[in-house]
């Protein structure tokens, strides 16, 4: 059986986040951008460059010039 690595990106002010207890060896990455609690915390990942940089780093891709 192939084991797939899973990364949990989360923000402490994300109103929808919860614990991901299903996965083994879960890699948790706290997103730290300035927002108010709620929707900004939940949807802010998509507007934050560190989110994409972290994913690219995991695949060995250089995004910075």
N, C-alpha and C. Protein backbone atom coordinates (compact mmCIF):
# COMPACT_ATOMS: atom_id res chain seq x y z
N UNK A 1 0.84 -1.19 0.00
CA UNK A 1 0.00 0.00 0.00
C UNK A 1 0.88 1.25 0.00
N UNK A 2 0.59 2.17 -0.88
CA UNK A 2 1.35 3.41 -0.98
C UNK A 2 0.85 4.39 0.08
N UNK A 3 1.80 4.95 0.81
CA UNK A 3 1.44 5.95 1.81
C UNK A 3 1.64 7.34 1.21
N UNK A 4 0.61 8.12 1.27
CA UNK A 4 0.64 9.47 0.73
C UNK A 4 0.83 10.46 1.87
N UNK A 5 1.78 11.36 1.70
CA UNK A 5 1.99 12.40 2.70
C UNK A 5 0.86 13.42 2.61
N UNK A 6 0.38 13.87 3.76
CA UNK A 6 -0.69 14.84 3.78
C UNK A 6 -0.24 16.05 4.60
N UNK A 7 -0.45 17.23 4.06
CA UNK A 7 -0.09 18.46 4.75
C UNK A 7 -1.36 19.21 5.11
N UNK A 8 -1.46 19.59 6.37
CA UNK A 8 -2.60 20.34 6.87
C UNK A 8 -2.19 21.80 7.00
N UNK A 9 -2.65 22.64 6.08
CA UNK A 9 -2.43 24.07 6.18
C UNK A 9 -3.59 24.64 6.97
N UNK A 10 -3.27 25.41 8.00
CA UNK A 10 -4.35 25.94 8.85
C UNK A 10 -4.00 27.33 9.34
N UNK A 11 -5.02 28.07 9.70
CA UNK A 11 -4.87 29.39 10.31
C UNK A 11 -5.68 29.37 11.60
N UNK A 12 -5.13 29.92 12.64
CA UNK A 12 -5.81 29.90 13.94
C UNK A 12 -7.13 30.68 13.91
N UNK A 13 -7.28 31.58 12.95
CA UNK A 13 -8.52 32.36 12.85
C UNK A 13 -9.44 31.85 11.75
N UNK A 14 -9.23 30.62 11.32
CA UNK A 14 -10.10 29.98 10.32
C UNK A 14 -11.28 29.38 11.07
N UNK A 15 -12.47 29.88 10.78
CA UNK A 15 -13.66 29.45 11.52
C UNK A 15 -14.12 28.04 11.15
N UNK A 16 -13.58 27.48 10.07
CA UNK A 16 -14.03 26.17 9.62
C UNK A 16 -13.02 25.07 9.93
N UNK A 17 -11.83 25.43 10.29
CA UNK A 17 -10.79 24.42 10.51
C UNK A 17 -11.16 23.49 11.65
N UNK A 18 -10.56 22.33 11.61
CA UNK A 18 -10.77 21.36 12.67
C UNK A 18 -9.59 20.39 12.69
N UNK A 19 -9.59 19.49 13.63
CA UNK A 19 -8.50 18.52 13.74
C UNK A 19 -8.62 17.45 12.67
N UNK A 20 -7.50 17.11 12.05
CA UNK A 20 -7.47 16.04 11.06
C UNK A 20 -6.82 14.83 11.72
N UNK A 21 -7.61 14.00 12.33
CA UNK A 21 -7.10 12.86 13.08
C UNK A 21 -6.99 11.59 12.24
N UNK A 22 -7.50 11.62 11.02
CA UNK A 22 -7.54 10.43 10.19
C UNK A 22 -6.16 10.05 9.64
N UNK A 23 -5.32 11.04 9.35
CA UNK A 23 -4.06 10.81 8.66
C UNK A 23 -2.93 10.48 9.63
N UNK A 24 -2.05 9.56 9.20
CA UNK A 24 -0.84 9.26 9.95
C UNK A 24 0.26 10.19 9.43
N UNK A 25 1.17 10.54 10.30
CA UNK A 25 2.30 11.40 9.93
C UNK A 25 1.83 12.67 9.23
N UNK A 26 0.87 13.30 9.80
CA UNK A 26 0.32 14.55 9.28
C UNK A 26 1.32 15.68 9.51
N UNK A 27 1.63 16.40 8.47
CA UNK A 27 2.53 17.55 8.57
C UNK A 27 1.65 18.80 8.66
N UNK A 28 1.73 19.51 9.77
CA UNK A 28 0.90 20.69 9.98
C UNK A 28 1.70 21.96 9.73
N UNK A 29 1.11 22.87 8.95
CA UNK A 29 1.75 24.14 8.64
C UNK A 29 0.79 25.26 9.02
N UNK A 30 1.19 26.04 10.01
CA UNK A 30 0.34 27.16 10.42
C UNK A 30 0.56 28.34 9.49
N UNK A 31 -0.51 28.86 8.93
CA UNK A 31 -0.45 30.04 8.08
C UNK A 31 -0.55 31.26 8.99
N UNK A 32 0.34 32.23 8.79
CA UNK A 32 0.40 33.38 9.68
C UNK A 32 0.29 34.67 8.90
N UNK A 33 -0.91 34.99 8.47
CA UNK A 33 -1.17 36.26 7.82
C UNK A 33 -2.20 36.99 8.65
N UNK A 34 -2.21 38.32 8.54
CA UNK A 34 -3.07 39.15 9.37
C UNK A 34 -4.50 39.15 8.83
N UNK A 35 -5.42 38.66 9.64
CA UNK A 35 -6.84 38.66 9.27
C UNK A 35 -7.69 38.75 10.53
N UNK A 36 -8.96 39.05 10.31
CA UNK A 36 -9.94 38.93 11.37
C UNK A 36 -10.42 37.49 11.39
N UNK A 37 -11.01 37.07 12.47
CA UNK A 37 -11.52 35.71 12.60
C UNK A 37 -12.66 35.49 11.62
N UNK A 38 -12.70 34.33 11.00
CA UNK A 38 -13.83 34.00 10.12
C UNK A 38 -13.41 33.71 8.69
N UNK A 39 -14.18 34.26 7.76
CA UNK A 39 -13.96 33.98 6.34
C UNK A 39 -12.56 34.34 5.86
N UNK A 40 -12.02 35.45 6.34
CA UNK A 40 -10.68 35.85 5.92
C UNK A 40 -9.64 34.80 6.32
N UNK A 41 -9.84 34.21 7.47
CA UNK A 41 -8.93 33.16 7.91
C UNK A 41 -9.07 31.91 7.07
N UNK A 42 -10.28 31.63 6.62
CA UNK A 42 -10.53 30.41 5.85
C UNK A 42 -10.11 30.55 4.39
N UNK A 43 -10.40 31.67 3.77
CA UNK A 43 -10.11 31.83 2.35
C UNK A 43 -8.78 32.52 2.07
N UNK A 44 -8.14 33.03 3.09
CA UNK A 44 -6.89 33.77 2.91
C UNK A 44 -5.73 32.95 2.39
N UNK A 45 -5.78 31.63 2.52
CA UNK A 45 -4.70 30.78 2.02
C UNK A 45 -4.42 31.08 0.56
N UNK A 46 -5.48 31.20 -0.23
CA UNK A 46 -5.37 31.34 -1.68
C UNK A 46 -4.73 32.66 -2.09
N UNK A 47 -4.67 33.62 -1.19
CA UNK A 47 -4.08 34.92 -1.50
C UNK A 47 -2.71 35.09 -0.88
N UNK A 48 -2.21 34.07 -0.19
CA UNK A 48 -0.96 34.17 0.54
C UNK A 48 0.16 33.43 -0.20
N UNK A 49 1.20 34.15 -0.58
CA UNK A 49 2.28 33.55 -1.37
C UNK A 49 3.03 32.46 -0.61
N UNK A 50 3.10 32.54 0.72
CA UNK A 50 3.83 31.50 1.47
C UNK A 50 3.14 30.14 1.36
N UNK A 51 1.84 30.12 1.14
CA UNK A 51 1.09 28.88 0.92
C UNK A 51 1.63 28.18 -0.33
N UNK A 52 1.74 28.92 -1.42
CA UNK A 52 2.22 28.35 -2.68
C UNK A 52 3.70 28.02 -2.62
N UNK A 53 4.48 28.85 -1.95
CA UNK A 53 5.91 28.58 -1.81
C UNK A 53 6.15 27.29 -1.05
N UNK A 54 5.38 27.05 0.01
CA UNK A 54 5.53 25.83 0.79
C UNK A 54 5.19 24.60 -0.04
N UNK A 55 4.12 24.67 -0.82
CA UNK A 55 3.73 23.55 -1.68
C UNK A 55 4.82 23.30 -2.72
N UNK A 56 5.30 24.36 -3.36
CA UNK A 56 6.34 24.21 -4.38
C UNK A 56 7.61 23.61 -3.79
N UNK A 57 7.99 24.05 -2.59
CA UNK A 57 9.16 23.49 -1.91
C UNK A 57 9.03 21.99 -1.72
N UNK A 58 7.84 21.53 -1.42
CA UNK A 58 7.62 20.10 -1.19
C UNK A 58 7.79 19.29 -2.49
N UNK A 59 7.61 19.95 -3.63
CA UNK A 59 7.80 19.29 -4.91
C UNK A 59 9.17 19.59 -5.53
N UNK A 60 9.96 20.38 -4.81
CA UNK A 60 11.30 20.71 -5.32
C UNK A 60 11.29 21.72 -6.44
N UNK A 61 10.30 22.60 -6.45
CA UNK A 61 10.19 23.62 -7.49
C UNK A 61 10.61 24.97 -6.92
N UNK A 62 11.40 25.70 -7.67
CA UNK A 62 11.82 27.03 -7.24
C UNK A 62 10.89 28.07 -7.85
N UNK A 63 10.18 28.83 -7.02
CA UNK A 63 9.27 29.86 -7.51
C UNK A 63 9.91 31.25 -7.49
N UNK A 64 10.98 31.39 -6.74
CA UNK A 64 11.61 32.70 -6.61
C UNK A 64 12.67 32.88 -7.69
N UNK A 65 12.75 34.08 -8.24
CA UNK A 65 13.75 34.33 -9.28
C UNK A 65 15.02 34.92 -8.68
